[in-house]
Protein backbone atom coordinates (compact mmCIF):
# COMPACT_ATOMS: atom_id res chain seq x y z
CA MET A 1 -14.26 4.27 18.86
CA ASN A 2 -14.54 3.69 22.63
CA SER A 3 -11.82 6.28 23.25
CA PHE A 4 -13.66 8.97 21.31
CA ARG A 5 -16.92 8.11 23.05
CA ASN A 6 -15.20 8.53 26.39
CA ILE A 7 -13.86 11.92 25.29
CA ARG A 8 -17.37 13.05 24.36
CA LEU A 9 -18.63 11.97 27.76
CA LEU A 10 -15.83 13.86 29.47
CA LEU A 11 -16.65 16.98 27.49
CA LEU A 12 -20.25 16.78 28.75
CA LEU A 13 -19.09 16.90 32.35
CA PRO A 14 -18.11 20.60 32.31
CA LEU A 15 -21.61 21.38 31.09
CA ALA A 16 -23.03 19.37 34.00
CA VAL A 17 -20.78 21.25 36.44
CA ILE A 18 -21.93 24.60 35.04
CA VAL A 19 -25.60 23.59 35.31
CA ILE A 20 -25.13 22.44 38.92
CA GLY A 21 -23.19 25.60 39.78
CA THR A 22 -25.82 27.84 38.19
CA ILE A 23 -28.66 26.19 40.09
CA GLY A 24 -26.67 26.13 43.30
CA PHE A 25 -25.77 29.81 43.23
CA LYS A 26 -29.26 30.84 42.20
CA PHE A 27 -30.76 29.44 45.39
CA LEU A 28 -27.77 29.97 47.72
CA GLU A 29 -27.32 33.64 46.69
CA ASN A 30 -30.83 34.36 45.42
CA LEU A 31 -29.50 35.39 41.99
CA SER A 32 -31.04 35.38 38.53
CA TYR A 33 -30.15 32.47 36.32
CA PHE A 34 -27.82 34.65 34.22
CA ASP A 35 -25.99 36.05 37.27
CA ALA A 36 -25.77 32.56 38.77
CA PHE A 37 -24.32 31.30 35.48
CA TYR A 38 -21.89 34.23 35.38
CA LEU A 39 -20.75 33.59 38.94
CA THR A 40 -20.35 29.85 38.20
CA VAL A 41 -18.09 30.52 35.18
CA THR A 42 -15.92 33.02 37.02
CA THR A 43 -15.64 30.66 39.96
CA ILE A 44 -14.68 27.60 37.90
CA SER A 45 -12.20 29.64 35.83
CA THR A 46 -10.80 31.18 39.05
CA VAL A 47 -11.06 34.63 37.42
CA GLY A 48 -13.01 36.27 40.24
CA TYR A 49 -13.80 39.79 38.98
CA GLY A 50 -15.27 40.71 42.35
CA ASP A 51 -18.55 42.18 41.07
CA LEU A 52 -20.33 38.96 42.15
CA HIS A 53 -19.00 36.74 44.89
CA PRO A 54 -20.25 34.31 47.53
CA THR A 55 -21.75 36.15 50.51
CA ASN A 56 -22.38 33.31 52.96
CA VAL A 57 -20.67 30.24 54.31
CA ALA A 58 -22.77 27.79 52.27
CA SER A 59 -21.97 29.64 49.03
CA ARG A 60 -18.27 29.74 49.88
CA ILE A 61 -18.18 26.01 50.59
CA PHE A 62 -20.09 25.45 47.36
CA SER A 63 -17.53 27.64 45.53
CA ILE A 64 -14.63 25.61 46.91
CA VAL A 65 -16.24 22.39 45.70
CA LEU A 66 -16.82 23.92 42.25
CA ILE A 67 -13.22 25.17 41.97
CA ILE A 68 -11.68 21.85 43.01
CA GLY A 69 -14.07 19.91 40.81
CA GLY A 70 -13.60 22.20 37.83
CA ILE A 71 -9.81 22.17 37.97
CA GLY A 72 -9.73 18.40 38.51
CA LEU A 73 -12.13 17.87 35.63
CA PHE A 74 -10.09 20.08 33.31
CA LEU A 75 -6.89 18.22 34.18
CA THR A 76 -8.64 14.89 33.67
CA ILE A 77 -9.88 15.89 30.21
CA LEU A 78 -6.49 17.28 29.25
CA THR A 79 -4.62 14.18 30.47
CA TYR A 80 -7.03 11.72 28.84
CA THR A 81 -7.09 13.58 25.53
CA THR A 82 -3.27 13.75 25.47
CA GLN A 83 -3.06 10.02 26.14
CA ILE A 84 -5.48 9.30 23.29
CA LEU A 85 -3.49 11.42 20.85
CA ILE A 86 -0.22 9.77 21.90
CA GLN A 87 -1.79 6.34 21.60
CA ARG A 88 -3.14 7.15 18.11
CA GLY A 89 0.31 8.19 17.04
CA GLN A 90 1.84 5.02 18.43
CA ASN A 91 -0.85 2.90 16.75
CA LYS A 92 -0.11 4.55 13.42
CA LEU A 93 3.56 3.76 13.82
CA ARG A 94 2.79 0.12 14.68
CA VAL A 95 0.45 -0.23 11.71
CA ARG A 96 3.05 1.35 9.42
CA SER A 97 5.77 -0.95 10.76
CA LEU A 98 3.53 -4.00 10.34
CA ASN A 99 2.63 -3.02 6.76
CA MET A 100 6.34 -2.70 6.01
CA ILE A 101 6.90 -6.20 7.38
CA ILE A 102 4.07 -7.55 5.20
CA GLY A 103 5.56 -5.78 2.19
CA VAL A 104 8.96 -7.39 2.84
CA PHE A 105 7.27 -10.76 3.11
CA PHE A 106 5.66 -10.40 -0.33
CA THR A 107 8.84 -9.06 -1.90
CA GLU A 108 11.01 -11.85 -0.51
CA ILE A 109 8.69 -14.86 -0.76
CA GLY A 110 4.97 -14.02 -0.96
CA ASP A 111 4.75 -13.11 -4.64
CA GLU A 112 6.80 -16.15 -5.68
CA LEU A 113 4.69 -18.42 -3.48
CA LEU A 114 1.49 -17.00 -4.92
CA LYS A 115 2.76 -17.58 -8.45
CA LEU A 116 3.51 -21.23 -7.64
CA PHE A 117 0.17 -21.74 -5.96
CA ALA A 118 -1.71 -20.14 -8.87
CA GLN A 119 -0.01 -22.56 -11.25
CA MET A 120 -1.38 -25.45 -9.13
CA ASP A 121 -4.93 -24.01 -9.12
CA SER A 122 -6.99 -25.68 -11.85
CA ASN A 123 -9.63 -22.90 -11.51
CA ILE A 124 -7.14 -20.03 -11.74
CA ASN A 125 -8.59 -18.76 -15.02
CA ASP A 126 -11.80 -17.87 -13.18
CA VAL A 127 -10.03 -15.10 -11.32
CA ARG A 128 -6.88 -14.41 -13.30
CA GLN A 129 -8.34 -11.58 -15.34
CA VAL A 130 -9.95 -9.98 -12.29
CA CYS A 131 -6.60 -9.86 -10.48
CA LEU A 132 -4.81 -8.04 -13.29
CA LEU A 133 -4.51 -4.62 -11.66
CA ASN A 134 -3.48 -1.33 -13.22
CA GLN A 135 -2.29 2.05 -12.03
CA SER A 136 -5.81 3.55 -11.96
CA CYS A 137 -7.29 0.98 -9.56
CA SER A 138 -9.64 2.50 -6.99
CA ASP A 139 -10.58 1.30 -3.55
CA ASP A 140 -13.77 -0.15 -5.00
CA ASP A 141 -11.66 -2.16 -7.44
CA PHE A 142 -9.66 -3.64 -4.56
CA ASN A 143 -12.89 -4.48 -2.75
CA SER A 144 -14.20 -6.22 -5.85
CA ILE A 145 -11.03 -8.28 -6.21
CA ARG A 146 -11.16 -9.25 -2.52
CA GLU A 147 -14.80 -10.29 -2.80
CA ARG A 148 -14.09 -12.32 -5.93
CA LEU A 149 -11.17 -14.11 -4.28
CA ASP A 150 -13.34 -14.81 -1.24
CA ARG A 151 -15.85 -16.57 -3.54
CA HIS A 152 -13.19 -18.38 -5.55
CA GLN A 153 -13.06 -22.17 -5.46
CA TYR A 154 -9.44 -22.93 -4.78
CA VAL A 155 -8.77 -26.32 -6.36
CA ILE A 156 -5.21 -27.64 -6.07
CA ASP A 157 -4.42 -29.97 -8.95
CA LEU A 158 -2.21 -32.62 -7.38
CA LYS A 159 -0.55 -33.32 -10.73
CA ARG A 160 0.72 -29.75 -10.86
CA LEU A 161 2.35 -29.83 -7.43
CA ASP A 162 6.05 -29.01 -7.86
CA LEU A 163 6.88 -29.98 -4.29
CA GLU A 164 10.63 -29.96 -4.74
CA ARG A 165 10.64 -26.39 -5.98
CA LEU A 166 8.24 -25.37 -3.24
CA CYS A 167 10.32 -27.08 -0.55
CA GLU A 168 13.52 -25.41 -1.83
CA LEU A 169 11.91 -21.96 -1.75
CA LEU A 170 10.49 -22.38 1.75
CA SER A 171 13.72 -23.82 3.09
CA ARG A 172 15.73 -20.97 1.61
CA LYS A 173 13.44 -18.38 3.19
CA GLY A 174 13.06 -20.18 6.52
CA ASP A 175 15.06 -17.59 8.49
CA LEU A 176 12.87 -14.79 7.14
CA LEU A 177 9.69 -16.57 8.22
CA ILE A 178 11.01 -17.17 11.74
CA ARG A 179 12.20 -13.56 12.15
CA GLN A 180 8.82 -12.24 11.08
CA MET A 181 7.07 -14.54 13.54
CA GLU A 182 9.20 -13.01 16.32
CA ASN A 183 7.95 -9.47 15.66
CA PRO A 184 6.01 -8.24 18.72
CA ASN A 185 3.53 -6.28 16.59
CA LEU A 186 2.44 -9.42 14.73
CA ILE A 187 -0.28 -10.20 17.24
CA GLU A 188 -2.16 -7.12 16.02
CA HIS A 189 -2.61 -8.60 12.51
CA GLU A 190 -4.47 -11.87 12.79
CA ALA A 191 -4.61 -12.52 9.02
CA PHE A 192 -0.84 -12.18 8.62
CA THR A 193 -0.23 -14.32 11.68
CA GLU A 194 -2.42 -17.08 10.26
CA LEU A 195 -0.66 -16.82 6.92
CA LEU A 196 2.80 -17.17 8.49
CA TRP A 197 1.70 -20.20 10.53
CA ALA A 198 0.23 -21.79 7.40
CA VAL A 199 3.41 -21.21 5.37
CA ILE A 200 5.71 -22.36 8.20
CA HIS A 201 3.61 -25.48 8.69
CA LEU A 202 3.77 -26.22 4.99
CA ARG A 203 7.55 -25.76 5.06
CA ASP A 204 7.88 -28.18 8.01
CA GLU A 205 5.68 -30.78 6.26
CA LEU A 206 7.81 -30.63 3.11
CA ILE A 207 11.15 -30.72 4.92
CA CYS A 208 10.11 -33.86 6.82
CA ARG A 209 9.74 -35.71 3.52
CA LYS A 210 13.01 -36.87 1.95
CA ASN A 211 11.52 -38.06 -1.32
CA PHE A 212 8.58 -36.58 -3.20
CA ALA A 213 8.60 -39.15 -5.94
CA ASN A 214 6.97 -41.93 -3.95
CA LEU A 215 4.29 -40.13 -1.99
CA THR A 216 1.08 -41.99 -1.40
CA LYS A 217 -2.18 -40.56 -2.70
CA THR A 218 -3.32 -39.80 0.85
CA ASP A 219 -0.11 -38.01 1.71
CA THR A 220 -0.20 -36.01 -1.52
CA GLU A 221 -3.76 -34.94 -0.78
CA HIS A 222 -2.66 -33.96 2.73
CA LEU A 223 0.06 -31.71 1.30
CA GLY A 224 -2.45 -30.33 -1.19
CA ASN A 225 -4.70 -29.25 1.70
CA ASP A 226 -1.69 -27.54 3.38
CA VAL A 227 -0.95 -25.71 0.11
CA LYS A 228 -4.61 -24.70 -0.19
CA ARG A 229 -4.68 -23.28 3.34
CA ALA A 230 -1.63 -21.11 2.68
CA TYR A 231 -2.84 -20.19 -0.82
CA ILE A 232 -6.20 -18.85 0.44
CA SER A 233 -4.59 -16.73 3.19
CA LEU A 234 -1.88 -15.50 0.85
CA SER A 235 -4.21 -14.37 -1.92
CA ARG A 236 -6.42 -12.40 0.43
CA LEU A 237 -3.56 -10.61 2.10
CA TRP A 238 -1.98 -9.93 -1.31
CA VAL A 239 -4.92 -7.69 -2.16
CA GLU A 240 -4.62 -5.73 1.08
CA ASN A 241 -0.89 -5.30 0.60
CA LEU A 242 -1.43 -3.84 -2.88
CA ARG A 243 -4.10 -1.55 -1.53
CA HIS A 244 -1.57 -0.24 1.01
CA LEU A 245 1.11 0.23 -1.63
CA LYS A 246 -1.29 2.04 -3.93
CA GLY A 247 -2.18 4.55 -1.22
CA ASN A 248 1.26 5.04 0.31
CA TYR A 249 3.99 3.93 -2.10
CA PRO A 250 2.89 4.40 -5.72
CA TYR A 251 6.34 3.49 -7.08
CA LEU A 252 6.25 0.13 -5.24
CA PHE A 253 2.71 -0.41 -6.45
CA SER A 254 3.83 0.21 -10.02
CA LEU A 255 6.39 -2.60 -9.76
CA ALA A 256 3.88 -4.91 -8.05
CA VAL A 257 1.44 -4.37 -10.94
CA ARG A 258 4.10 -5.26 -13.51
CA THR A 259 5.23 -8.37 -11.58
CA ASN A 260 1.71 -9.48 -10.66
CA PRO A 261 1.95 -13.24 -9.82
CA PHE A 262 -1.43 -13.83 -11.46
CA ARG A 263 -0.10 -12.77 -14.83
CA LEU A 264 0.86 -15.56 -17.22
CA GLU A 265 4.09 -13.74 -18.12
CA PRO A 266 4.88 -11.02 -15.56
CA ASP A 267 7.35 -8.48 -16.89
CA PRO A 268 9.10 -5.88 -14.68
CA GLU A 269 10.07 -3.74 -17.66
CA VAL A 270 8.15 -0.47 -18.14
CA LYS A 271 6.63 -0.42 -21.58
């Protein structure tokens, strides 16, 4: 937004130059406003038809200033606008690349993690039906799902914690998590960065424990909080990833709908 505001300000400068030139020539050459405006435009554009031209030293000096200022201003506007357009293109490429990375994350580990976390959530039935998307979902539907998940009370039932399965999954996908953390574009997506840190921390906590059978109540609750932190971040980003797929890759969205981790029995088969 700041860039476009700066462009608008730059576009006002030529008008200011024309106004100054018109007033200057009117008094320096004793012209009408229209003739002064005409002389200003021909001077700035360096056309110089010859029918009107500066007739004294002051007017000629004033013309030189107008020409230098006008050309410099035009080059400034052209350069700045070009930079903005190039930057917008680069930003689009970075966003597209980052969305692809997020999509890979959900394909490789995110959906499976979300399915495990949902099984541990004793309040999952409060949002399960809301999260069952279909092919006709609109942007308003995605907003409604996001708002409902934001209000959801994530309650991790400690008795449902399958820590061994969770540890095996996170250990197996450890290289993927580290590679994604190394992506230089990651800093531009705070939500995904927080999710990766939460998942990596959970993985590290689980790997440090050699036996899940004899965990104390306090330690189990600690792990439950780590799961909850990752679960909340994951569910919110899941909605945004599906929104991106719906708008850009309908065929990937179709598969994501059929394998929705919030479904009791997700089925990839088209029926």
